[in-house]
Amino acid sequence: MAAIDGFVAIRDINPQAPVHLLVIPEHHIASFHDIAEFSEGEDKRMLDFIADVAAREGLNDYRVVVNVGAGAGQTVFHLHWHVLGGGLSGRMT
């Protein structure tokens, strides 16, 4: 769906919202616990890419979610961000 050097964005195969994207770093980082493994400036580029991908999808209001650890629902142990939008309502529980 979109890519820049170091990151890709794809559509989730099991969407939990009308728009559900995954933003994934190309090099392996198991969890957000290991975010320090990013090289200098890579975290900023990732955040900029998430915002760009959301804008490309026409999202003004959206959620960015990271599940950190099995107890929080992380089932894929390769760091990734969920971008959810397109008609979310209510609070996140």
Protein backbone atom coordinates (compact mmCIF):
# COMPACT_ATOMS: atom_id res chain seq x y z
CA MET A 1 0.00 0.00 0.00
CA ALA A 2 2.91 2.34 0.82
CA ALA A 3 6.61 2.15 1.58
CA ILE A 4 9.60 4.31 2.43
CA ASP A 5 13.14 3.30 3.18
CA GLY A 6 12.87 1.12 6.28
CA PHE A 7 9.07 0.89 6.63
CA VAL A 8 6.06 -0.55 4.83
CA ALA A 9 2.32 -0.08 5.31
CA ILE A 10 -0.18 -2.78 4.42
CA ARG A 11 -3.87 -3.39 4.95
CA ASP A 12 -4.67 -5.71 7.85
CA ILE A 13 -6.12 -9.04 6.66
CA ASN A 14 -8.47 -9.09 9.67
CA PRO A 15 -9.61 -5.44 9.90
CA GLN A 16 -11.02 -4.16 13.16
CA ALA A 17 -12.16 -0.84 11.65
CA PRO A 18 -13.26 0.41 8.21
CA VAL A 19 -9.61 1.41 7.64
CA HIS A 20 -7.08 -0.83 9.38
CA LEU A 21 -3.46 -0.54 8.30
CA LEU A 22 -0.27 -2.02 9.69
CA VAL A 23 2.97 -0.02 9.65
CA ILE A 24 5.94 -2.33 9.91
CA PRO A 25 9.69 -1.67 10.15
CA GLU A 26 11.66 -3.70 7.62
CA HIS A 27 14.31 -4.83 10.08
CA HIS A 28 13.26 -7.12 12.88
CA ILE A 29 12.47 -5.64 16.26
CA ALA A 30 10.42 -8.05 18.38
CA SER A 31 8.47 -5.57 20.49
CA PHE A 32 8.06 -1.94 21.45
CA HIS A 33 10.13 -2.92 24.52
CA ASP A 34 13.06 -3.02 22.09
CA ILE A 35 12.45 0.38 20.45
CA ALA A 36 15.99 1.48 21.41
CA GLU A 37 17.20 -0.81 18.61
CA PHE A 38 16.03 1.80 16.09
CA SER A 39 18.89 3.81 14.66
CA GLU A 40 19.07 7.53 15.38
CA GLY A 41 16.13 9.33 13.77
CA GLU A 42 14.40 6.12 12.70
CA ASP A 43 11.67 6.54 15.32
CA LYS A 44 10.84 10.03 13.99
CA ARG A 45 10.74 8.76 10.39
CA MET A 46 8.37 6.01 11.50
CA LEU A 47 6.00 8.47 13.17
CA ASP A 48 6.10 10.74 10.12
CA PHE A 49 5.32 7.74 7.90
CA ILE A 50 2.35 6.75 10.07
CA ALA A 51 0.94 10.29 9.76
CA ASP A 52 1.57 10.28 5.99
CA VAL A 53 -0.13 6.90 5.50
CA ALA A 54 -3.16 8.06 7.50
CA ALA A 55 -3.37 11.24 5.41
CA ARG A 56 -3.13 9.24 2.16
CA GLU A 57 -6.13 7.24 3.35
CA GLY A 58 -8.04 10.47 3.98
CA LEU A 59 -8.08 9.97 7.74
CA ASN A 60 -8.34 13.04 9.94
CA ASP A 61 -9.33 11.15 13.08
CA TYR A 62 -7.70 7.79 13.77
CA ARG A 63 -6.05 5.62 16.39
CA VAL A 64 -2.48 4.39 16.41
CA VAL A 65 -2.12 1.27 18.54
CA VAL A 66 0.86 -0.88 19.54
CA ASN A 67 0.25 -4.09 21.47
CA VAL A 68 3.28 -4.60 23.71
CA GLY A 69 3.70 -8.16 25.00
CA ALA A 70 1.47 -11.21 24.98
CA GLY A 71 -0.49 -9.95 27.99
CA ALA A 72 -1.52 -6.88 25.98
CA GLY A 73 -2.58 -8.89 22.93
CA GLN A 74 0.64 -8.95 20.90
CA THR A 75 0.43 -12.09 18.77
CA VAL A 76 3.03 -11.24 16.10
CA PHE A 77 6.44 -10.63 17.61
CA HIS A 78 7.70 -8.22 15.00
CA LEU A 79 7.05 -4.62 16.00
CA HIS A 80 4.16 -3.02 14.11
CA TRP A 81 1.62 -0.23 14.55
CA HIS A 82 -2.09 -0.50 13.86
CA VAL A 83 -3.65 2.57 12.22
CA LEU A 84 -7.42 2.42 12.65
CA GLY A 85 -9.95 4.90 11.32
CA GLY A 86 -12.85 5.55 9.04
CA GLY A 87 -15.78 5.62 11.39
CA LEU A 88 -14.56 4.74 14.86
CA SER A 89 -16.94 5.70 17.59
CA GLY A 90 -16.78 5.86 21.33
CA ARG A 91 -13.94 5.30 23.72
CA MET A 92 -11.36 2.62 23.38
CA THR A 93 -11.85 0.03 26.11
